[in-house]
């Protein structure tokens, strides 16, 4: 199909894009920095490994690597815990090669699985960074740079996970909750998947080197995720329901207890006021103005000026104007940044990159954010590349605890890349054609308008393409109390084009539409297969009490994985309160939301 996720080759460019030769450049600065950081992380994870080994030394001590074959056989604890994983042979081999594992209990093996995985990722980052000075074709360079960034993000996520599960001297882990750990592991697996996808269709020395050095990383994270989930980290096939905010006597589980502005009463007054305050009354830390009456003239300068690892909210006010800049990205170290514009259609962040620029889909994003606590309000994000350029992302988010509020997100194919971690969108307008909401975050869209546009001839519109790869990932797309609508150009030609709620990008794809208005541009069968029978048994696609002419379920697909949700309890698992709430992060943003099902 002409609208598949795989990047189409351009005539006459196929061989040009295939090779990345190992020819050294003179600039080694980036190599040195990354290599030092990666080596430091290897040492750090080894120290953590020592902590785990000490726990069980009284029970027989550590077994040295390279012992005889009898000593190297897995213990009953290893056999039992690896029996819970999807890649059992790799699980056993990784444990018996790790010091202390043969004397470890099952609980200790949970900790060791994190150590094993983190050390392998650190080693992969260290060894792959050595070729950063290599001369590469632009397409290969894009895939390589994306991999390096994603590996760094994964090392960070795994480090935080390890800190959370390894017992401290007080007997408890230091860091995130159970749901946090599930989210970080899910993100690390998604990162690795995105990394390897970047090299699809390529060949040459760089590609071969990366594939060799990245071998087994996805499987190791999957095993770690399985082991942690089986130890009490998950239920309902990857939908977490633990570690929820405790309800006070003034709250109820439905989320109905809201004040006059539809903000939860338990939201702190100053935080509630931040989202309710007119722009003119907000005291911004950095002001972006194209005409020079601000702190800086570009968004790039504003991001650079913002402090790293900020413990307080940093507000960047982007004044009305059209901003077209390259490589706009809120990186992993730029946390707690809030971008406020003058409104939809007034503050416009735009660009036109697509895969036809010889880059990966990951790098086509007009604006990208991976720094935790990212918030955007009253801004338009637009990719104007057009339908003929295929994959062209307007907004990509891999930030944890991200909120996008009252924004326009405009494009055609692959408009919004909800890449990973937990995200919340409210009162946004999202426009696109093929797979225009895609990725593997745990994400809820609430009170949004989702518009299908007129695609190219012979194309079919698909609203979602969710790429959950592993049954233990706590990810999925939840569309709750939204409006599913056509744009006027599609309405005028809707008899010529078919529009579907989604199709399964990966084996365990998961998406639900709940309590939403669905117009008649949606095909009666509702959902589209990706390729023949792929994932139809393993996906989870659900609809709950939708309405409108396109909401009728009588002719919907009969796939084993599709379900009409009749249970309020099951539907509630995909609400803000249960699907993305975790650790009470959302109230602190100041964005109004419905915690439960009620509209």
Protein backbone atom coordinates (compact mmCIF):
# COMPACT_ATOMS: atom_id res chain seq x y z
CA UNK A 1 0.00 0.00 0.00
CA UNK A 2 1.24 3.47 -0.83
CA UNK A 3 0.51 4.69 2.69
CA UNK A 4 2.40 2.08 4.72
CA UNK A 5 4.63 3.19 7.59
CA UNK A 6 7.70 1.96 5.75
CA UNK A 7 9.43 4.76 3.92
CA UNK A 8 8.89 4.59 0.14
CA UNK A 9 12.03 4.71 -1.98
CA UNK A 10 12.38 7.52 -4.46
CA UNK A 11 13.17 6.66 -8.06
CA UNK A 12 16.88 6.82 -8.72
CA UNK A 13 17.81 7.16 -5.04
CA UNK A 14 17.59 3.60 -3.81
CA UNK A 15 21.30 2.82 -4.00
CA UNK A 16 22.30 6.29 -2.89
CA UNK A 17 20.52 5.73 0.41
CA UNK A 18 21.93 2.32 1.11
CA UNK A 19 25.51 2.92 2.20
CA UNK A 20 27.27 4.43 5.19
CA UNK A 21 30.98 3.75 4.87
CA UNK A 22 33.27 3.76 7.86
CA UNK A 23 35.30 6.79 6.80
CA UNK A 24 36.48 8.88 9.79
CA UNK A 25 35.79 12.58 10.12
CA UNK A 26 38.12 14.94 11.97
CA UNK A 27 35.60 16.09 14.57
CA UNK A 28 35.76 13.76 17.59
CA UNK A 29 34.21 15.97 20.25
CA UNK A 30 30.81 14.30 20.27
CA UNK A 31 32.41 10.85 20.27
CA UNK A 32 34.53 11.64 23.32
CA UNK A 33 31.62 13.10 25.29
CA UNK A 34 29.22 10.26 24.55
CA UNK A 35 31.86 7.59 25.15
CA UNK A 36 32.83 9.05 28.53
CA UNK A 37 29.20 9.31 29.61
CA UNK A 38 28.44 5.78 28.47
CA UNK A 39 31.53 4.38 30.21
CA UNK A 40 30.57 6.21 33.39
CA UNK A 41 27.11 4.69 33.22
CA UNK A 42 28.60 1.21 32.84
CA UNK A 43 30.61 1.76 36.02
CA UNK A 44 27.54 3.14 37.80
CA UNK A 45 25.39 0.17 36.88
CA UNK A 46 28.17 -2.17 37.99
CA UNK A 47 28.07 -0.48 41.40
CA UNK A 48 24.33 -1.04 41.53
CA UNK A 49 24.97 -4.65 40.60
CA UNK A 50 27.21 -4.93 43.62
CA UNK A 51 24.35 -3.79 45.81
CA UNK A 52 22.19 -6.65 44.56
CA UNK A 53 24.95 -9.23 44.96
CA UNK A 54 25.56 -8.21 48.58
CA UNK A 55 21.95 -8.99 49.38
CA UNK A 56 22.49 -12.71 48.90
CA UNK A 57 26.13 -13.26 49.84
CA UNK A 58 25.14 -14.94 53.07
CA UNK A 59 23.31 -17.50 51.01
CA UNK A 60 26.39 -18.78 49.20
CA UNK A 61 28.13 -15.81 47.60
CA UNK A 62 28.57 -14.83 44.00
CA UNK A 63 29.40 -17.34 41.32
CA UNK A 64 32.26 -16.18 39.10
CA UNK A 65 31.75 -15.91 35.37
CA UNK A 66 33.42 -18.73 33.53
CA UNK A 67 32.74 -21.47 36.09
CA UNK A 68 32.33 -25.10 35.08
CA UNK A 69 29.20 -26.30 33.28
CA UNK A 70 27.66 -27.77 36.43
CA UNK A 71 27.99 -24.52 38.34
CA UNK A 72 26.58 -22.65 35.35
CA UNK A 73 23.26 -24.47 35.25
CA UNK A 74 20.28 -22.28 36.14
CA UNK A 75 18.87 -22.51 39.61
CA UNK A 76 15.22 -23.22 40.28
CA UNK A 77 14.71 -19.53 40.99
CA UNK A 78 16.17 -18.59 37.60
CA UNK A 79 14.13 -21.25 35.83
CA UNK A 80 10.93 -20.09 37.51
CA UNK A 81 11.43 -16.41 36.86
CA UNK A 82 12.55 -16.93 33.26
CA UNK A 83 9.48 -19.06 32.70
CA UNK A 84 7.49 -15.82 32.96
CA UNK A 85 9.31 -14.17 30.06
CA UNK A 86 8.82 -14.20 26.29
CA UNK A 87 12.51 -14.91 25.55
CA UNK A 88 13.38 -17.64 28.04
CA UNK A 89 16.72 -18.82 26.64
CA UNK A 90 18.10 -15.28 26.59
CA UNK A 91 16.76 -14.76 30.11
CA UNK A 92 18.56 -17.83 31.47
CA UNK A 93 21.81 -17.04 29.69
CA UNK A 94 21.83 -13.42 30.85
CA UNK A 95 21.28 -14.44 34.47
CA UNK A 96 23.85 -17.23 34.71
CA UNK A 97 26.52 -14.91 33.32
CA UNK A 98 25.83 -12.29 35.98
CA UNK A 99 27.75 -12.42 39.28
CA UNK A 100 25.63 -13.46 42.23
CA UNK A 101 22.65 -14.71 40.26
CA UNK A 102 23.11 -18.39 41.17
CA UNK A 103 22.75 -17.50 44.84
CA UNK A 104 19.91 -15.06 44.32
CA UNK A 105 16.28 -15.38 45.33
CA UNK A 106 13.49 -14.67 42.86
CA UNK A 107 13.06 -11.21 44.34
CA UNK A 108 16.75 -10.50 43.93
CA UNK A 109 16.55 -11.72 40.34
CA UNK A 110 14.00 -8.98 39.65
CA UNK A 111 16.65 -6.44 40.62
CA UNK A 112 19.35 -8.29 38.72
CA UNK A 113 17.23 -8.26 35.53
CA UNK A 114 17.32 -4.46 35.64
CA UNK A 115 21.09 -4.51 36.14
CA UNK A 116 21.62 -6.91 33.26
CA UNK A 117 19.49 -4.80 30.93
CA UNK A 118 21.04 -1.48 31.96
CA UNK A 119 24.57 -2.79 31.56
CA UNK A 120 23.82 -4.09 28.06
CA UNK A 121 22.33 -0.75 27.04
CA UNK A 122 25.32 1.12 28.45
CA UNK A 123 27.66 -1.15 26.53
CA UNK A 124 25.66 -0.67 23.33
CA UNK A 125 25.77 3.11 23.75
CA UNK A 126 29.51 3.01 24.43
CA UNK A 127 30.37 0.81 21.46
CA UNK A 128 28.07 2.49 18.94
CA UNK A 129 29.25 5.98 19.87
CA UNK A 130 32.68 5.19 18.44
CA UNK A 131 31.39 5.51 14.88
CA UNK A 132 29.80 8.93 15.36
CA UNK A 133 32.76 10.45 13.49
CA UNK A 134 32.14 8.23 10.48
CA UNK A 135 31.19 9.76 7.13
CA UNK A 136 27.59 8.74 6.43
CA UNK A 137 24.93 9.24 3.80
CA UNK A 138 22.29 11.72 5.14
CA UNK A 139 19.67 8.98 5.49
CA UNK A 140 22.07 6.71 7.38
CA UNK A 141 23.20 9.63 9.54
CA UNK A 142 19.59 10.39 10.43
CA UNK A 143 19.00 6.77 11.50
CA UNK A 144 22.26 6.65 13.43
CA UNK A 145 21.75 9.94 15.27
CA UNK A 146 18.22 8.89 16.16
CA UNK A 147 19.52 5.63 17.60
CA UNK A 148 22.13 7.39 19.70
CA UNK A 149 19.54 9.77 21.14
CA UNK A 150 17.13 6.94 21.86
CA UNK A 151 19.84 4.83 23.52
CA UNK A 152 20.69 7.75 25.80
CA UNK A 153 17.00 8.15 26.68
CA UNK A 154 16.74 4.43 27.41
CA UNK A 155 19.79 4.42 29.66
CA UNK A 156 18.20 7.26 31.61
CA UNK A 157 14.86 5.43 31.87
CA UNK A 158 16.51 2.17 32.93
CA UNK A 159 18.69 3.96 35.49
CA UNK A 160 15.61 5.51 37.09
CA UNK A 161 13.87 2.14 37.03
CA UNK A 162 16.80 0.43 38.74
CA UNK A 163 16.91 3.11 41.44
CA UNK A 164 13.23 2.46 42.08
CA UNK A 165 13.39 -1.33 42.45
CA UNK A 166 16.73 -1.97 44.20
CA UNK A 167 16.16 -1.96 47.97
CA UNK A 168 17.86 0.83 49.87
CA UNK A 169 19.20 0.53 53.39
CA UNK A 170 15.70 1.39 54.57
CA UNK A 171 14.30 -1.55 52.63
CA UNK A 172 12.53 0.33 49.88
CA UNK A 173 13.50 1.56 46.46
CA UNK A 174 14.27 5.21 45.80
CA UNK A 175 12.51 6.81 42.86
CA UNK A 176 9.26 6.19 41.04
CA UNK A 177 6.13 4.18 41.70
CA UNK A 178 5.28 0.83 40.18
CA UNK A 179 3.48 2.55 37.33
CA UNK A 180 6.46 4.84 36.77
CA UNK A 181 8.73 1.82 36.37
CA UNK A 182 6.30 0.16 33.98
CA UNK A 183 6.21 3.37 31.95
CA UNK A 184 10.00 3.73 31.83
CA UNK A 185 10.49 0.14 30.76
CA UNK A 186 7.77 0.48 28.13
CA UNK A 187 9.48 3.63 26.83
CA UNK A 188 12.88 1.92 26.68
CA UNK A 189 11.39 -0.88 24.60
CA UNK A 190 9.69 1.64 22.31
CA UNK A 191 12.95 3.56 21.94
CA UNK A 192 14.77 0.44 20.81
CA UNK A 193 12.01 -0.39 18.37
CA UNK A 194 12.19 3.10 16.87
CA UNK A 195 15.96 2.84 16.65
CA UNK A 196 15.97 -0.38 14.63
CA UNK A 197 13.11 0.84 12.41
CA UNK A 198 15.30 3.73 11.36
CA UNK A 199 17.64 1.31 9.58
CA UNK A 200 14.93 -0.58 7.70
CA UNK A 201 15.63 -0.60 3.98
CA UNK A 202 19.27 0.41 4.46
CA UNK A 203 22.48 -1.55 4.08
CA UNK A 204 26.19 -0.90 4.50
CA UNK A 205 28.84 -0.92 7.21
CA UNK A 206 27.12 1.50 9.60
CA UNK A 207 23.85 -0.37 9.49
CA UNK A 208 25.59 -3.72 10.00
CA UNK A 209 27.60 -2.34 12.92
CA UNK A 210 24.51 -0.96 14.63
CA UNK A 211 22.44 -4.10 14.16
CA UNK A 212 25.26 -6.20 15.64
CA UNK A 213 25.77 -3.93 18.66
CA UNK A 214 22.05 -3.58 19.34
CA UNK A 215 21.30 -7.29 19.16
CA UNK A 216 19.00 -8.63 21.89
CA UNK A 217 18.32 -5.24 23.51
CA UNK A 218 14.58 -5.33 22.77
CA UNK A 219 14.34 -8.88 24.06
CA UNK A 220 16.21 -7.97 27.27
CA UNK A 221 13.85 -5.08 27.98
CA UNK A 222 10.87 -7.28 27.20
CA UNK A 223 12.13 -9.89 29.66
CA UNK A 224 12.74 -7.24 32.30
CA UNK A 225 9.21 -5.91 31.75
CA UNK A 226 7.72 -9.41 32.00
CA UNK A 227 9.60 -10.17 35.20
CA UNK A 228 8.64 -6.89 36.84
CA UNK A 229 5.00 -7.20 35.76
CA UNK A 230 4.81 -10.73 37.15
CA UNK A 231 6.24 -9.50 40.46
CA UNK A 232 3.23 -7.25 40.93
CA UNK A 233 3.75 -4.38 38.52
CA UNK A 234 0.80 -4.88 36.20
CA UNK A 235 -2.60 -6.34 35.44
CA UNK A 236 -5.28 -6.36 32.73
CA UNK A 237 -2.85 -7.21 29.94
CA UNK A 238 -0.68 -4.15 30.48
CA UNK A 239 -3.24 -1.60 31.72
CA UNK A 240 -1.93 -0.58 35.15
CA UNK A 241 -4.43 -0.09 37.94
CA UNK A 242 -2.08 0.19 40.90
CA UNK A 243 -0.49 3.13 42.68
CA UNK A 244 -3.45 5.39 42.13
CA UNK A 245 -3.99 8.63 43.99
CA UNK A 246 -5.74 7.96 47.28
CA UNK A 247 -9.19 9.55 47.30
CA UNK A 248 -9.91 12.00 50.08
CA UNK A 249 -13.27 12.31 51.72
CA UNK A 250 -14.07 15.19 49.36
CA UNK A 251 -13.31 13.25 46.18
CA UNK A 252 -15.05 10.50 44.30
CA UNK A 253 -13.77 8.01 41.76
CA UNK A 254 -15.88 9.37 38.95
CA UNK A 255 -14.08 12.68 38.72
CA UNK A 256 -17.39 14.58 39.03
CA UNK A 257 -16.19 16.66 41.98
CA UNK A 258 -15.06 19.68 39.95
CA UNK A 259 -15.29 23.39 40.60
CA UNK A 260 -17.00 25.94 38.37
CA UNK A 261 -14.04 26.08 35.96
CA UNK A 262 -13.95 22.28 35.62
CA UNK A 263 -10.73 22.01 37.56
CA UNK A 264 -10.50 19.34 40.29
CA UNK A 265 -11.00 20.85 43.76
CA UNK A 266 -7.88 19.15 45.06
CA UNK A 267 -5.75 21.07 42.50
CA UNK A 268 -3.64 23.69 44.26
CA UNK A 269 -4.96 27.21 43.79
CA UNK A 270 -1.82 28.61 42.20
CA UNK A 271 -1.59 25.76 39.70
CA UNK A 272 -5.25 26.05 38.79
CA UNK A 273 -4.80 29.75 38.25
CA UNK A 274 -1.86 29.27 35.87
CA UNK A 275 -4.04 27.69 33.18
CA UNK A 276 -6.91 30.07 33.85
CA UNK A 277 -4.85 33.25 33.71
CA UNK A 278 -4.87 35.46 30.60
CA UNK A 279 -1.53 35.57 28.81
CA UNK A 280 -1.16 39.27 29.59
CA UNK A 281 -1.14 38.51 33.32
CA UNK A 282 1.38 35.67 33.22
CA UNK A 283 4.93 36.40 34.35
CA UNK A 284 7.00 34.48 31.84
CA UNK A 285 10.62 33.54 32.42
CA UNK A 286 11.47 33.90 28.72
CA UNK A 287 9.56 35.84 26.05
CA UNK A 288 9.97 34.98 22.36
CA UNK A 289 9.16 37.74 19.88
CA UNK A 290 10.01 37.83 16.20
CA UNK A 291 9.94 41.62 16.19
CA UNK A 292 12.40 41.99 19.05
CA UNK A 293 10.24 43.15 21.95
CA UNK A 294 10.94 40.05 24.04
CA UNK A 295 13.78 38.25 25.74
CA UNK A 296 14.82 36.42 22.57
CA UNK A 297 13.77 36.38 18.92
CA UNK A 298 13.65 32.63 18.31
CA UNK A 299 12.28 29.54 20.02
CA UNK A 300 15.67 27.92 19.57
CA UNK A 301 17.24 30.64 21.73
CA UNK A 302 14.51 30.25 24.34
CA UNK A 303 15.08 26.51 24.68
CA UNK A 304 18.83 27.05 24.93
CA UNK A 305 18.34 29.76 27.57
CA UNK A 306 16.05 27.62 29.74
CA UNK A 307 17.89 25.94 32.64
CA UNK A 308 18.48 22.20 32.74
CA UNK A 309 16.88 19.98 35.39
CA UNK A 310 14.71 22.81 36.70
CA UNK A 311 12.81 21.98 39.87
CA UNK A 312 10.23 24.69 39.16
CA UNK A 313 8.02 25.46 36.17
CA UNK A 314 9.84 27.54 33.53
CA UNK A 315 7.37 29.52 31.42
CA UNK A 316 8.28 30.43 27.84
CA UNK A 317 5.82 32.83 26.24
CA UNK A 318 5.89 32.71 22.45
CA UNK A 319 4.23 35.83 21.07
CA UNK A 320 1.97 35.85 18.04
CA UNK A 321 3.79 35.09 14.82
CA UNK A 322 4.84 32.35 12.44
CA UNK A 323 8.01 30.61 13.60
CA UNK A 324 9.82 28.35 11.17
CA UNK A 325 13.04 27.06 12.69
CA UNK A 326 15.04 23.88 12.29
CA UNK A 327 15.62 21.16 14.87
CA UNK A 328 13.28 22.53 17.53
CA UNK A 329 13.60 20.08 20.39
CA UNK A 330 13.10 20.19 24.14
CA UNK A 331 15.74 17.66 25.13
CA UNK A 332 15.79 15.18 27.98
CA UNK A 333 17.56 17.57 30.38
CA UNK A 334 15.15 20.46 29.78
CA UNK A 335 12.43 19.47 32.20
CA UNK A 336 9.36 21.37 33.43
CA UNK A 337 9.16 23.72 30.45
CA UNK A 338 5.81 25.28 29.60
CA UNK A 339 5.27 26.96 26.23
CA UNK A 340 2.39 29.44 26.08
CA UNK A 341 1.25 31.09 22.85
CA UNK A 342 -1.30 33.74 21.97
CA UNK A 343 -3.80 31.16 20.72
CA UNK A 344 -4.53 28.67 17.98
CA UNK A 345 -3.68 30.14 14.61
CA UNK A 346 -1.87 33.10 16.20
CA UNK A 347 1.31 31.55 17.55
CA UNK A 348 2.27 29.10 14.82
CA UNK A 349 5.31 26.80 14.94
CA UNK A 350 5.70 25.44 11.44
CA UNK A 351 7.97 23.53 9.11
CA UNK A 352 7.96 21.28 6.09
CA UNK A 353 10.35 18.39 6.70
CA UNK A 354 9.37 14.96 5.42
CA UNK A 355 10.99 11.64 4.67
CA UNK A 356 11.65 13.01 1.19
CA UNK A 357 14.37 15.10 2.80
CA UNK A 358 16.29 11.82 3.24
CA UNK A 359 15.65 11.58 6.97
CA UNK A 360 13.74 9.20 9.21
CA UNK A 361 10.14 9.84 10.25
CA UNK A 362 11.48 10.44 13.78
CA UNK A 363 13.47 13.44 12.55
CA UNK A 364 10.73 15.03 10.43
CA UNK A 365 9.03 16.57 13.49
CA UNK A 366 8.57 20.33 13.36
CA UNK A 367 8.73 20.36 17.17
CA UNK A 368 9.88 17.54 19.46
CA UNK A 369 9.91 17.22 23.24
CA UNK A 370 11.49 14.58 25.45
CA UNK A 371 12.02 16.62 28.62
CA UNK A 372 9.69 15.47 31.38
CA UNK A 373 6.89 17.79 32.42
CA UNK A 374 6.55 19.43 29.00
CA UNK A 375 3.41 21.57 28.58
CA UNK A 376 2.17 23.44 25.51
CA UNK A 377 -0.81 25.79 25.57
CA UNK A 378 -2.48 27.94 22.91
CA UNK A 379 -0.09 27.12 20.05
CA UNK A 380 -0.43 25.73 16.53
CA UNK A 381 2.06 23.06 15.46
CA UNK A 382 2.01 22.58 11.69
CA UNK A 383 3.85 20.51 9.11
CA UNK A 384 3.07 21.94 5.68
CA UNK A 385 4.94 19.28 3.62
CA UNK A 386 1.63 18.07 2.15
CA UNK A 387 0.15 14.64 1.44
CA UNK A 388 2.49 13.83 -1.45
CA UNK A 389 5.48 13.87 0.92
CA UNK A 390 4.03 11.01 3.01
CA UNK A 391 5.47 10.84 6.56
CA UNK A 392 5.82 14.40 7.89
CA UNK A 393 5.38 14.94 11.64
CA UNK A 394 4.11 18.21 13.11
CA UNK A 395 4.62 17.33 16.78
CA UNK A 396 6.56 14.48 18.40
CA UNK A 397 6.45 13.91 22.14
CA UNK A 398 8.40 11.37 24.16
CA UNK A 399 8.30 13.41 27.35
CA UNK A 400 6.95 11.94 30.54
CA UNK A 401 3.96 13.72 32.10
CA UNK A 402 3.40 15.83 28.99
CA UNK A 403 0.31 17.99 28.53
CA UNK A 404 -0.87 19.67 25.32
CA UNK A 405 -3.74 22.07 25.96
CA UNK A 406 -5.82 24.13 23.51
CA UNK A 407 -3.44 23.55 20.61
CA UNK A 408 -3.80 22.90 16.88
CA UNK A 409 -1.73 20.04 15.47
CA UNK A 410 -1.90 20.10 11.68
CA UNK A 411 -0.46 17.82 9.02
CA UNK A 412 -1.33 14.97 6.70
CA UNK A 413 0.36 11.58 7.16
CA UNK A 414 1.84 11.00 10.64
CA UNK A 415 0.79 14.39 12.03
CA UNK A 416 1.13 13.63 15.74
CA UNK A 417 3.78 11.22 17.00
CA UNK A 418 2.81 10.23 20.56
CA UNK A 419 6.09 8.40 20.84
CA UNK A 420 6.37 7.21 24.46
CA UNK A 421 5.71 7.83 28.16
CA UNK A 422 2.49 9.35 29.59
CA UNK A 423 0.72 12.17 27.77
CA UNK A 424 -2.55 14.11 28.00
CA UNK A 425 -4.24 16.24 25.33
CA UNK A 426 -7.24 18.44 26.03
CA UNK A 427 -9.25 20.80 23.82
CA UNK A 428 -6.91 20.30 20.88
CA UNK A 429 -7.75 20.19 17.17
CA UNK A 430 -5.80 17.52 15.31
CA UNK A 431 -5.79 17.25 11.51
CA UNK A 432 -4.42 14.53 9.24
CA UNK A 433 -4.93 11.70 6.79
CA UNK A 434 -2.94 8.48 7.16
CA UNK A 435 -2.06 7.21 10.66
CA UNK A 436 -2.16 10.77 11.87
CA UNK A 437 -2.13 9.91 15.56
CA UNK A 438 0.55 7.26 15.97
CA UNK A 439 3.12 5.99 18.46
CA UNK A 440 3.35 4.01 21.69
CA UNK A 441 2.70 6.41 24.55
CA UNK A 442 0.12 5.88 27.25
CA UNK A 443 -2.03 8.77 26.09
CA UNK A 444 -5.51 10.15 26.67
CA UNK A 445 -7.22 12.65 24.36
CA UNK A 446 -10.08 14.45 26.04
CA UNK A 447 -12.54 16.98 24.61
CA UNK A 448 -10.53 17.20 21.39
CA UNK A 449 -11.71 17.57 17.78
CA UNK A 450 -10.02 15.06 15.49
CA UNK A 451 -10.35 15.94 11.81
CA UNK A 452 -9.73 13.62 8.86
CA UNK A 453 -8.62 15.51 5.75
CA UNK A 454 -8.88 14.71 2.06
CA UNK A 455 -5.98 12.35 1.26
CA UNK A 456 -4.24 11.62 -2.02
CA UNK A 457 -5.99 9.45 -4.63
CA UNK A 458 -6.14 5.75 -3.66
CA UNK A 459 -5.24 6.51 -0.05
CA UNK A 460 -7.38 5.55 2.93
CA UNK A 461 -7.54 7.68 6.06
CA UNK A 462 -6.67 6.03 9.36
CA UNK A 463 -6.90 8.07 12.53
CA UNK A 464 -4.69 5.92 14.78
CA UNK A 465 -1.73 3.60 14.25
CA UNK A 466 -0.75 2.41 17.70
CA UNK A 467 2.47 0.40 17.92
CA UNK A 468 2.45 -1.50 21.18
CA UNK A 469 4.95 -4.30 20.62
CA UNK A 470 4.84 -6.19 23.90
CA UNK A 471 1.80 -7.40 25.86
CA UNK A 472 3.26 -6.02 29.10
CA UNK A 473 3.68 -2.44 27.90
CA UNK A 474 1.28 -0.13 29.74
CA UNK A 475 0.62 1.88 26.58
CA UNK A 476 -2.23 2.68 24.23
CA UNK A 477 -4.33 5.46 22.73
CA UNK A 478 -7.51 6.45 24.58
CA UNK A 479 -9.85 8.90 22.85
CA UNK A 480 -12.41 10.03 25.41
CA UNK A 481 -15.27 12.51 24.99
CA UNK A 482 -13.94 13.79 21.67
CA UNK A 483 -15.41 14.66 18.28
CA UNK A 484 -14.38 12.62 15.23
CA UNK A 485 -15.08 14.83 12.24
CA UNK A 486 -14.26 15.38 8.54
CA UNK A 487 -12.83 18.58 7.13
CA UNK A 488 -14.98 20.32 4.48
CA UNK A 489 -12.80 19.07 1.61
CA UNK A 490 -13.25 15.49 2.76
CA UNK A 491 -16.98 15.98 3.26
CA UNK A 492 -17.27 17.14 -0.33
CA UNK A 493 -15.49 14.02 -1.55
CA UNK A 494 -16.26 11.48 1.17
CA UNK A 495 -17.76 9.02 -1.28
CA UNK A 496 -14.33 8.72 -2.89
CA UNK A 497 -12.30 8.12 0.28
CA UNK A 498 -12.63 5.74 3.20
CA UNK A 499 -11.77 6.73 6.76
CA UNK A 500 -11.17 4.32 9.64
CA UNK A 501 -10.65 4.66 13.38
CA UNK A 502 -7.28 2.92 13.20
CA UNK A 503 -5.10 0.04 12.09
CA UNK A 504 -2.56 -2.09 13.97
CA UNK A 505 1.02 -0.98 13.41
CA UNK A 506 2.42 -3.57 15.85
CA UNK A 507 1.32 -6.92 17.21
CA UNK A 508 -0.32 -5.70 20.44
CA UNK A 509 -1.76 -2.46 19.10
CA UNK A 510 -4.26 -0.90 21.52
CA UNK A 511 -6.73 1.93 20.99
CA UNK A 512 -10.14 2.80 22.39
CA UNK A 513 -12.81 5.36 21.53
CA UNK A 514 -15.16 6.21 24.39
CA UNK A 515 -18.17 8.51 24.75
CA UNK A 516 -17.20 10.35 21.58
CA UNK A 517 -19.22 11.77 18.70
CA UNK A 518 -18.35 10.00 15.42
CA UNK A 519 -19.46 11.50 12.13
CA UNK A 520 -20.61 9.47 9.14
CA UNK A 521 -17.27 9.74 7.32
CA UNK A 522 -16.10 6.73 9.34
CA UNK A 523 -16.51 3.48 7.41
CA UNK A 524 -19.17 1.19 8.94
CA UNK A 525 -16.62 -1.55 9.68
CA UNK A 526 -14.72 0.96 11.79
CA UNK A 527 -11.20 -0.43 11.63
CA UNK A 528 -8.71 -1.36 8.90
CA UNK A 529 -6.28 -4.27 8.84
CA UNK A 530 -2.58 -3.49 8.47
CA UNK A 531 -1.63 -6.48 6.38
CA UNK A 532 -4.02 -9.41 5.91
CA UNK A 533 -4.50 -11.09 9.30
CA UNK A 534 -1.57 -9.44 11.11
CA UNK A 535 -2.31 -8.70 14.79
CA UNK A 536 -6.05 -9.32 14.52
CA UNK A 537 -5.89 -11.89 17.34
CA UNK A 538 -3.56 -9.92 19.61
CA UNK A 539 -4.66 -6.29 19.25
CA UNK A 540 -7.09 -4.58 21.64
CA UNK A 541 -9.49 -2.21 19.90
CA UNK A 542 -12.48 -1.09 21.88
CA UNK A 543 -15.50 1.20 21.58
CA UNK A 544 -17.63 2.34 24.50
CA UNK A 545 -20.89 4.26 24.18
CA UNK A 546 -19.92 6.39 21.21
CA UNK A 547 -22.70 8.20 19.36
CA UNK A 548 -23.40 9.97 16.09
CA UNK A 549 -23.99 8.51 12.60
CA UNK A 550 -20.56 6.90 12.50
CA UNK A 551 -20.84 5.42 15.98
CA UNK A 552 -23.13 2.52 15.03
CA UNK A 553 -21.44 -0.79 15.81
CA UNK A 554 -23.68 -3.20 13.93
CA UNK A 555 -21.33 -3.62 10.96
CA UNK A 556 -18.04 -3.36 12.83
CA UNK A 557 -15.15 -5.79 12.19
CA UNK A 558 -15.38 -9.27 13.72
CA UNK A 559 -11.72 -9.56 14.66
CA UNK A 560 -10.88 -11.55 17.81
CA UNK A 561 -9.12 -8.52 19.28
CA UNK A 562 -11.96 -6.06 18.66
CA UNK A 563 -14.54 -5.57 21.37
CA UNK A 564 -17.59 -3.50 22.08
CA UNK A 565 -16.97 -2.54 25.69
CA UNK A 566 -20.10 -3.10 27.75
CA UNK A 567 -18.55 -2.95 31.20
CA UNK A 568 -18.09 0.41 32.88
CA UNK A 569 -15.32 -1.14 34.93
CA UNK A 570 -13.42 -2.14 31.79
CA UNK A 571 -13.97 1.24 30.13
CA UNK A 572 -12.78 3.05 33.25
CA UNK A 573 -9.35 1.44 32.86
CA UNK A 574 -8.76 3.78 29.91
CA UNK A 575 -9.69 6.99 31.72
CA UNK A 576 -7.27 9.58 33.04
CA UNK A 577 -7.64 8.27 36.59
CA UNK A 578 -6.55 4.74 35.75
CA UNK A 579 -4.63 4.84 32.48
CA UNK A 580 -2.21 7.75 32.86
CA UNK A 581 -2.79 9.22 36.30
CA UNK A 582 -0.02 7.56 38.34
CA UNK A 583 1.67 9.53 41.13
CA UNK A 584 -0.80 12.43 40.83
CA UNK A 585 1.25 14.18 38.13
CA UNK A 586 -1.63 15.55 36.10
CA UNK A 587 -3.24 17.79 38.73
CA UNK A 588 0.05 19.63 39.23
CA UNK A 589 -0.06 20.84 35.61
CA UNK A 590 -3.15 22.93 36.22
CA UNK A 591 -5.02 21.52 33.21
CA UNK A 592 -8.66 20.64 33.76
CA UNK A 593 -9.64 17.04 33.10
CA UNK A 594 -12.22 14.37 33.80
CA UNK A 595 -10.73 11.67 35.98
CA UNK A 596 -13.50 9.15 35.30
CA UNK A 597 -15.92 8.30 32.50
CA UNK A 598 -18.56 10.97 33.05
CA UNK A 599 -18.68 13.70 30.41
